[in-house]
């Protein structure tokens, strides 16, 4: 079931307020250093990184299944310079090959079934240029994420304030389900989400099946090695096997 958080135009317009530019975007932007590159952003959302890459002169393709998110992305300052494609990462196909392929914002975790994960890795492998790299991150399942996620927030857009409330619905095995309620001045909207938490060995096994291998796995956005006990994230830098 599509997550309303991404599909509803009113929520897509709020997305950058809750998930704006941050240290992880700086990290991904840095991966494109060293001259113009062909970049593929799978699950590009509202296009923050695509826009930043395009502003630096890179050739960028942004792919996302949510039309509402892409409409926000197209309005970015350099939106007209990006090739926007409405497609799921599993089924995206192009004749182009890319020097850098990214999947950010923990989007990797929305793929709940092995078939989908392997399809995404196949997309990445088939579109990777010779010598190119893939980068994505996912949350470390050893961290108690549900304990951090029950929270309320206020998002201000112009003269409008939207109240956001997130609650864990269920934790079952390596999956966590939660709902997020948005109270607008004139309406209430509720999105339902489910995420998969895989271990480092589980991800590495699926990469190997897809003809890929980790070049590095970092535990944070400064490039520190991943520590299973303490690192919040697993940041994978991947190349062809």
C-alpha atoms as a PDB file:
ATOM      1  CA  UNK A   1       0.000   0.000   0.000  1.00  0.00           C
ATOM      2  CA  UNK A   2       1.467   3.420  -0.957  1.00  0.00           C
ATOM      3  CA  UNK A   3       2.493   5.554   2.012  1.00  0.00           C
ATOM      4  CA  UNK A   4       0.343   8.697   2.156  1.00  0.00           C
ATOM      5  CA  UNK A   5       3.395  10.557   3.477  1.00  0.00           C
ATOM      6  CA  UNK A   6       4.796  10.470  -0.058  1.00  0.00           C
ATOM      7  CA  UNK A   7       1.665  10.201  -2.178  1.00  0.00           C
ATOM      8  CA  UNK A   8      -0.502  13.054  -0.879  1.00  0.00           C
ATOM      9  CA  UNK A   9       0.373  16.482  -2.379  1.00  0.00           C
ATOM     10  CA  UNK A  10      -0.189  18.318   0.915  1.00  0.00           C
ATOM     11  CA  UNK A  11       2.268  16.018   2.721  1.00  0.00           C
ATOM     12  CA  UNK A  12       4.803  16.111  -0.116  1.00  0.00           C
ATOM     13  CA  UNK A  13       4.879  19.897   0.206  1.00  0.00           C
ATOM     14  CA  UNK A  14       5.786  19.530   3.885  1.00  0.00           C
ATOM     15  CA  UNK A  15       8.468  16.905   3.378  1.00  0.00           C
ATOM     16  CA  UNK A  16      11.473  19.224   3.158  1.00  0.00           C
ATOM     17  CA  UNK A  17      10.449  20.953   6.397  1.00  0.00           C
ATOM     18  CA  UNK A  18      10.733  17.662   8.298  1.00  0.00           C
ATOM     19  CA  UNK A  19      13.563  16.158   6.229  1.00  0.00           C
ATOM     20  CA  UNK A  20      15.562  19.087   4.926  1.00  0.00           C
ATOM     21  CA  UNK A  21      19.244  19.490   4.167  1.00  0.00           C
ATOM     22  CA  UNK A  22      21.420  17.685   6.709  1.00  0.00           C
ATOM     23  CA  UNK A  23      24.823  16.091   7.256  1.00  0.00           C
ATOM     24  CA  UNK A  24      23.874  12.985   5.285  1.00  0.00           C
ATOM     25  CA  UNK A  25      23.187  15.132   2.210  1.00  0.00           C
ATOM     26  CA  UNK A  26      26.626  16.705   2.621  1.00  0.00           C
ATOM     27  CA  UNK A  27      28.102  13.201   2.622  1.00  0.00           C
ATOM     28  CA  UNK A  28      26.318  12.177  -0.581  1.00  0.00           C
ATOM     29  CA  UNK A  29      27.157  15.466  -2.254  1.00  0.00           C
ATOM     30  CA  UNK A  30      30.820  14.846  -1.469  1.00  0.00           C
ATOM     31  CA  UNK A  31      30.718  11.516  -3.283  1.00  0.00           C
ATOM     32  CA  UNK A  32      30.350  13.431  -6.549  1.00  0.00           C
ATOM     33  CA  UNK A  33      33.594  15.382  -6.130  1.00  0.00           C
ATOM     34  CA  UNK A  34      36.235  15.272  -8.836  1.00  0.00           C
ATOM     35  CA  UNK A  35      34.488  16.556 -11.927  1.00  0.00           C
ATOM     36  CA  UNK A  36      31.146  16.138 -13.716  1.00  0.00           C
ATOM     37  CA  UNK A  37      29.430  12.783 -13.219  1.00  0.00           C
ATOM     38  CA  UNK A  38      26.371  10.911 -14.393  1.00  0.00           C
ATOM     39  CA  UNK A  39      24.266  10.436 -11.263  1.00  0.00           C
ATOM     40  CA  UNK A  40      21.190   8.308 -10.619  1.00  0.00           C
ATOM     41  CA  UNK A  41      19.122   9.028  -7.494  1.00  0.00           C
ATOM     42  CA  UNK A  42      16.724   6.143  -6.812  1.00  0.00           C
ATOM     43  CA  UNK A  43      13.932   7.270  -4.498  1.00  0.00           C
ATOM     44  CA  UNK A  44      14.824  10.909  -5.050  1.00  0.00           C
ATOM     45  CA  UNK A  45      11.757  12.239  -3.213  1.00  0.00           C
ATOM     46  CA  UNK A  46      11.509  16.010  -3.380  1.00  0.00           C
ATOM     47  CA  UNK A  47      14.821  16.235  -5.201  1.00  0.00           C
ATOM     48  CA  UNK A  48      17.016  18.063  -2.703  1.00  0.00           C
ATOM     49  CA  UNK A  49      20.138  16.169  -3.708  1.00  0.00           C
ATOM     50  CA  UNK A  50      19.280  16.049  -7.399  1.00  0.00           C
ATOM     51  CA  UNK A  51      18.942  19.820  -7.381  1.00  0.00           C
ATOM     52  CA  UNK A  52      22.274  20.242  -5.562  1.00  0.00           C
ATOM     53  CA  UNK A  53      24.056  17.880  -7.962  1.00  0.00           C
ATOM     54  CA  UNK A  54      22.599  19.675 -10.978  1.00  0.00           C
ATOM     55  CA  UNK A  55      23.721  23.041  -9.584  1.00  0.00           C
ATOM     56  CA  UNK A  56      27.286  21.688  -9.627  1.00  0.00           C
ATOM     57  CA  UNK A  57      27.042  20.675 -13.270  1.00  0.00           C
ATOM     58  CA  UNK A  58      26.402  16.944 -12.933  1.00  0.00           C
ATOM     59  CA  UNK A  59      24.047  15.069 -15.266  1.00  0.00           C
ATOM     60  CA  UNK A  60      21.308  13.845 -12.962  1.00  0.00           C
ATOM     61  CA  UNK A  61      18.390  11.430 -13.207  1.00  0.00           C
ATOM     62  CA  UNK A  62      15.928  11.413 -10.310  1.00  0.00           C
ATOM     63  CA  UNK A  63      13.610   8.413  -9.970  1.00  0.00           C
ATOM     64  CA  UNK A  64      10.674   8.145  -7.595  1.00  0.00           C
ATOM     65  CA  UNK A  65       7.335   6.267  -7.634  1.00  0.00           C
ATOM     66  CA  UNK A  66       5.418   9.151  -6.018  1.00  0.00           C
ATOM     67  CA  UNK A  67       4.086  11.726  -8.471  1.00  0.00           C
ATOM     68  CA  UNK A  68       3.427  14.220  -5.657  1.00  0.00           C
ATOM     69  CA  UNK A  69       7.067  14.165  -4.582  1.00  0.00           C
ATOM     70  CA  UNK A  70       8.280  14.634  -8.143  1.00  0.00           C
ATOM     71  CA  UNK A  71       6.021  17.647  -8.611  1.00  0.00           C
ATOM     72  CA  UNK A  72       7.766  19.299  -5.653  1.00  0.00           C
ATOM     73  CA  UNK A  73      11.155  18.241  -7.041  1.00  0.00           C
ATOM     74  CA  UNK A  74      10.513  19.745 -10.471  1.00  0.00           C
ATOM     75  CA  UNK A  75       9.974  23.166  -8.852  1.00  0.00           C
ATOM     76  CA  UNK A  76      13.465  23.214  -7.338  1.00  0.00           C
ATOM     77  CA  UNK A  77      15.839  25.944  -8.654  1.00  0.00           C
ATOM     78  CA  UNK A  78      17.668  23.518 -10.965  1.00  0.00           C
ATOM     79  CA  UNK A  79      14.696  21.232 -11.478  1.00  0.00           C
ATOM     80  CA  UNK A  80      14.578  21.854 -15.224  1.00  0.00           C
ATOM     81  CA  UNK A  81      18.129  20.465 -15.534  1.00  0.00           C
ATOM     82  CA  UNK A  82      17.233  17.068 -14.018  1.00  0.00           C
ATOM     83  CA  UNK A  83      15.707  14.112 -15.848  1.00  0.00           C
ATOM     84  CA  UNK A  84      12.778  13.187 -13.592  1.00  0.00           C
ATOM     85  CA  UNK A  85      11.301   9.693 -13.940  1.00  0.00           C
ATOM     86  CA  UNK A  86       8.181   8.398 -12.199  1.00  0.00           C
ATOM     87  CA  UNK A  87       9.058   4.762 -11.525  1.00  0.00           C
ATOM     88  CA  UNK A  88       9.685   2.237  -8.783  1.00  0.00           C
ATOM     89  CA  UNK A  89      13.372   1.500  -8.202  1.00  0.00           C
ATOM     90  CA  UNK A  90      12.717  -2.200  -8.829  1.00  0.00           C
ATOM     91  CA  UNK A  91      11.505  -1.649 -12.389  1.00  0.00           C
ATOM     92  CA  UNK A  92      13.421   1.431 -13.557  1.00  0.00           C
ATOM     93  CA  UNK A  93      15.337   0.792 -16.748  1.00  0.00           C
ATOM     94  CA  UNK A  94      17.391   3.111 -18.945  1.00  0.00           C
ATOM     95  CA  UNK A  95      20.066   2.818 -21.615  1.00  0.00           C
ATOM     96  CA  UNK A  96      22.173   5.210 -19.545  1.00  0.00           C
ATOM     97  CA  UNK A  97      24.962   4.086 -17.230  1.00  0.00           C
ATOM     98  CA  UNK A  98      25.882   6.090 -14.151  1.00  0.00           C
ATOM     99  CA  UNK A  99      29.111   6.899 -12.317  1.00  0.00           C
ATOM    100  CA  UNK A 100      27.256   7.325  -9.017  1.00  0.00           C
ATOM    101  CA  UNK A 101      24.005   5.680  -7.960  1.00  0.00           C
ATOM    102  CA  UNK A 102      22.474   6.694  -4.639  1.00  0.00           C
ATOM    103  CA  UNK A 103      19.503   5.743  -2.500  1.00  0.00           C
ATOM    104  CA  UNK A 104      19.162   8.072   0.490  1.00  0.00           C
ATOM    105  CA  UNK A 105      16.855   8.887   3.401  1.00  0.00           C
ATOM    106  CA  UNK A 106      16.842   5.232   4.531  1.00  0.00           C
ATOM    107  CA  UNK A 107      14.653   4.493   1.507  1.00  0.00           C
ATOM    108  CA  UNK A 108      16.267   1.045   1.343  1.00  0.00           C
ATOM    109  CA  UNK A 109      14.145   0.047   4.342  1.00  0.00           C
ATOM    110  CA  UNK A 110      10.806   0.409   2.561  1.00  0.00           C
ATOM    111  CA  UNK A 111      11.545  -2.761   0.574  1.00  0.00           C
ATOM    112  CA  UNK A 112      10.049  -5.448   2.776  1.00  0.00           C
ATOM    113  CA  UNK A 113      10.463  -8.567   0.653  1.00  0.00           C
ATOM    114  CA  UNK A 114      13.602 -10.241  -0.679  1.00  0.00           C
ATOM    115  CA  UNK A 115      12.287 -10.139  -4.223  1.00  0.00           C
ATOM    116  CA  UNK A 116      12.044  -6.346  -4.042  1.00  0.00           C
ATOM    117  CA  UNK A 117      15.478  -5.932  -2.464  1.00  0.00           C
ATOM    118  CA  UNK A 118      17.097  -8.103  -5.108  1.00  0.00           C
ATOM    119  CA  UNK A 119      15.201  -6.248  -7.852  1.00  0.00           C
ATOM    120  CA  UNK A 120      16.536  -2.922  -6.539  1.00  0.00           C
ATOM    121  CA  UNK A 121      20.097  -4.260  -6.447  1.00  0.00           C
ATOM    122  CA  UNK A 122      19.633  -5.577  -9.986  1.00  0.00           C
ATOM    123  CA  UNK A 123      18.562  -2.110 -11.121  1.00  0.00           C
ATOM    124  CA  UNK A 124      21.668  -0.660  -9.508  1.00  0.00           C
ATOM    125  CA  UNK A 125      24.000  -3.278 -11.007  1.00  0.00           C
ATOM    126  CA  UNK A 126      22.566  -2.965 -14.522  1.00  0.00           C
ATOM    127  CA  UNK A 127      22.900   0.832 -14.543  1.00  0.00           C
ATOM    128  CA  UNK A 128      26.359   1.094 -12.976  1.00  0.00           C
ATOM    129  CA  UNK A 129      29.071   2.427 -15.272  1.00  0.00           C
ATOM    130  CA  UNK A 130      32.489   0.790 -15.297  1.00  0.00           C
ATOM    131  CA  UNK A 131      34.345   1.997 -12.222  1.00  0.00           C
ATOM    132  CA  UNK A 132      31.178   3.525 -10.771  1.00  0.00           C
ATOM    133  CA  UNK A 133      29.974   3.293  -7.180  1.00  0.00           C
ATOM    134  CA  UNK A 134      26.656   2.835  -5.411  1.00  0.00           C
ATOM    135  CA  UNK A 135      25.861   4.424  -2.051  1.00  0.00           C
ATOM    136  CA  UNK A 136      22.936   3.897   0.302  1.00  0.00           C
ATOM    137  CA  UNK A 137      22.294   3.785   4.017  1.00  0.00           C
ATOM    138  CA  UNK A 138      20.062   1.878   6.391  1.00  0.00           C
ATOM    139  CA  UNK A 139      19.487   2.013  10.127  1.00  0.00           C
ATOM    140  CA  UNK A 140      21.390  -0.372  12.407  1.00  0.00           C
ATOM    141  CA  UNK A 141      18.848  -2.883  13.799  1.00  0.00           C
ATOM    142  CA  UNK A 142      20.835  -3.118  17.054  1.00  0.00           C
ATOM    143  CA  UNK A 143      19.641   0.384  18.001  1.00  0.00           C
ATOM    144  CA  UNK A 144      16.252   0.740  19.708  1.00  0.00           C
ATOM    145  CA  UNK A 145      14.658   2.909  17.032  1.00  0.00           C
ATOM    146  CA  UNK A 146      11.041   2.531  18.199  1.00  0.00           C
ATOM    147  CA  UNK A 147      11.978   4.170  21.505  1.00  0.00           C
ATOM    148  CA  UNK A 148      13.068   7.263  19.551  1.00  0.00           C
ATOM    149  CA  UNK A 149      10.121   7.536  17.223  1.00  0.00           C
ATOM    150  CA  UNK A 150       7.107   8.269  19.411  1.00  0.00           C
ATOM    151  CA  UNK A 151       7.207  12.042  19.195  1.00  0.00           C
ATOM    152  CA  UNK A 152       5.268  15.183  18.357  1.00  0.00           C
ATOM    153  CA  UNK A 153       6.430  18.107  16.246  1.00  0.00           C
ATOM    154  CA  UNK A 154       5.252  21.357  14.691  1.00  0.00           C
ATOM    155  CA  UNK A 155       5.965  22.170  11.052  1.00  0.00           C
ATOM    156  CA  UNK A 156       5.551  25.754   9.909  1.00  0.00           C
ATOM    157  CA  UNK A 157       4.992  26.556   6.249  1.00  0.00           C
ATOM    158  CA  UNK A 158       4.413  30.248   5.592  1.00  0.00           C
ATOM    159  CA  UNK A 159       1.645  31.324   7.947  1.00  0.00           C
ATOM    160  CA  UNK A 160       0.395  27.756   8.385  1.00  0.00           C
ATOM    161  CA  UNK A 161       1.354  25.437  11.251  1.00  0.00           C
ATOM    162  CA  UNK A 162       0.891  21.697  10.901  1.00  0.00           C
ATOM    163  CA  UNK A 163       1.033  19.455  13.968  1.00  0.00           C
ATOM    164  CA  UNK A 164       2.723  16.087  13.448  1.00  0.00           C
ATOM    165  CA  UNK A 165       2.431  13.087  15.757  1.00  0.00           C
ATOM    166  CA  UNK A 166       4.203   9.759  15.166  1.00  0.00           C
ATOM    167  CA  UNK A 167       3.435   6.543  17.050  1.00  0.00           C
ATOM    168  CA  UNK A 168       4.775   3.014  16.804  1.00  0.00           C
ATOM    169  CA  UNK A 169       1.990   0.605  15.905  1.00  0.00           C
ATOM    170  CA  UNK A 170       3.796  -2.732  15.936  1.00  0.00           C
ATOM    171  CA  UNK A 171       7.250  -4.277  16.099  1.00  0.00           C
ATOM    172  CA  UNK A 172       7.364  -7.799  14.701  1.00  0.00           C
ATOM    173  CA  UNK A 173      10.634  -9.534  13.964  1.00  0.00           C
ATOM    174  CA  UNK A 174      12.790  -7.251  11.853  1.00  0.00           C
ATOM    175  CA  UNK A 175       9.879  -5.016  10.845  1.00  0.00           C
ATOM    176  CA  UNK A 176       8.528  -1.889  12.516  1.00  0.00           C
ATOM    177  CA  UNK A 177       5.154  -0.334  11.656  1.00  0.00           C
ATOM    178  CA  UNK A 178       4.159   3.193  12.640  1.00  0.00           C
ATOM    179  CA  UNK A 179       1.597   5.853  11.844  1.00  0.00           C
ATOM    180  CA  UNK A 180       2.096   9.576  11.462  1.00  0.00           C
ATOM    181  CA  UNK A 181      -0.801  11.967  11.928  1.00  0.00           C
ATOM    182  CA  UNK A 182      -0.795  15.448  10.425  1.00  0.00           C
ATOM    183  CA  UNK A 183      -3.221  18.050  11.741  1.00  0.00           C
ATOM    184  CA  UNK A 184      -3.724  20.857   9.220  1.00  0.00           C
ATOM    185  CA  UNK A 185      -5.915  23.889   9.953  1.00  0.00           C
ATOM    186  CA  UNK A 186      -8.574  22.474   7.635  1.00  0.00           C
ATOM    187  CA  UNK A 187      -8.001  18.690   7.647  1.00  0.00           C
ATOM    188  CA  UNK A 188      -6.295  15.730   9.305  1.00  0.00           C
ATOM    189  CA  UNK A 189      -4.223  13.167   7.399  1.00  0.00           C
ATOM    190  CA  UNK A 190      -2.705   9.909   8.628  1.00  0.00           C
ATOM    191  CA  UNK A 191       0.047   7.952   6.901  1.00  0.00           C
ATOM    192  CA  UNK A 192       0.980   4.357   7.679  1.00  0.00           C
ATOM    193  CA  UNK A 193       4.531   3.102   7.221  1.00  0.00           C
ATOM    194  CA  UNK A 194       6.427  -0.160   7.618  1.00  0.00           C
ATOM    195  CA  UNK A 195      10.209  -0.542   7.550  1.00  0.00           C
ATOM    196  CA  UNK A 196      12.546  -3.526   7.367  1.00  0.00           C
ATOM    197  CA  UNK A 197      15.709  -3.688   9.491  1.00  0.00           C
ATOM    198  CA  UNK A 198      18.372  -5.980   8.058  1.00  0.00           C
ATOM    199  CA  UNK A 199      21.768  -6.761   9.565  1.00  0.00           C
ATOM    200  CA  UNK A 200      25.041  -6.033   7.784  1.00  0.00           C
ATOM    201  CA  UNK A 201      25.610  -9.721   6.881  1.00  0.00           C
ATOM    202  CA  UNK A 202      22.048  -9.986   5.546  1.00  0.00           C
ATOM    203  CA  UNK A 203      22.584  -7.008   3.254  1.00  0.00           C
ATOM    204  CA  UNK A 204      26.010  -8.192   2.141  1.00  0.00           C
ATOM    205  CA  UNK A 205      24.554 -11.584   1.204  1.00  0.00           C
ATOM    206  CA  UNK A 206      21.914  -9.937  -0.980  1.00  0.00           C
ATOM    207  CA  UNK A 207      24.524  -7.708  -2.592  1.00  0.00           C
ATOM    208  CA  UNK A 208      26.625 -10.765  -3.455  1.00  0.00           C
ATOM    209  CA  UNK A 209      23.612 -12.470  -5.023  1.00  0.00           C
ATOM    210  CA  UNK A 210      23.222  -9.395  -7.235  1.00  0.00           C
ATOM    211  CA  UNK A 211      26.822  -9.218  -8.411  1.00  0.00           C
ATOM    212  CA  UNK A 212      27.785  -6.409  -6.041  1.00  0.00           C
ATOM    213  CA  UNK A 213      30.175  -6.068  -3.092  1.00  0.00           C
ATOM    214  CA  UNK A 214      30.833  -3.464  -0.375  1.00  0.00           C
ATOM    215  CA  UNK A 215      33.811  -1.246  -0.954  1.00  0.00           C
ATOM    216  CA  UNK A 216      33.308   0.257   2.512  1.00  0.00           C
ATOM    217  CA  UNK A 217      30.688   0.284   5.252  1.00  0.00           C
ATOM    218  CA  UNK A 218      30.667   3.367   7.468  1.00  0.00           C
ATOM    219  CA  UNK A 219      28.920   3.836  10.782  1.00  0.00           C
ATOM    220  CA  UNK A 220      28.287   7.559  10.453  1.00  0.00           C
ATOM    221  CA  UNK A 221      28.504  10.484   8.055  1.00  0.00           C
ATOM    222  CA  UNK A 222      32.139  11.270   8.925  1.00  0.00           C
ATOM    223  CA  UNK A 223      33.421   7.980   7.522  1.00  0.00           C
ATOM    224  CA  UNK A 224      33.994   6.143  10.788  1.00  0.00           C
ATOM    225  CA  UNK A 225      33.942   2.327  10.481  1.00  0.00           C
ATOM    226  CA  UNK A 226      30.647   0.624  11.278  1.00  0.00           C
ATOM    227  CA  UNK A 227      30.361  -0.664  14.853  1.00  0.00           C
ATOM    228  CA  UNK A 228      27.478  -3.073  15.302  1.00  0.00           C
ATOM    229  CA  UNK A 229      27.007  -2.156  18.970  1.00  0.00           C
ATOM    230  CA  UNK A 230      27.038   1.624  18.717  1.00  0.00           C
ATOM    231  CA  UNK A 231      26.660   2.892  15.137  1.00  0.00           C
ATOM    232  CA  UNK A 232      23.247   4.276  14.275  1.00  0.00           C
ATOM    233  CA  UNK A 233      23.610   3.702  10.554  1.00  0.00           C
ATOM    234  CA  UNK A 234      25.226   1.414   8.036  1.00  0.00           C
ATOM    235  CA  UNK A 235      26.404   3.525   5.102  1.00  0.00           C
ATOM    236  CA  UNK A 236      27.275   1.211   2.221  1.00  0.00           C
ATOM    237  CA  UNK A 237      29.655   2.174  -0.555  1.00  0.00           C
ATOM    238  CA  UNK A 238      29.268  -0.555  -3.153  1.00  0.00           C
ATOM    239  CA  UNK A 239      30.963  -1.577  -6.398  1.00  0.00           C
ATOM    240  CA  UNK A 240      30.579  -4.331  -8.975  1.00  0.00           C
ATOM    241  CA  UNK A 241      31.848  -7.706  -7.792  1.00  0.00           C
END
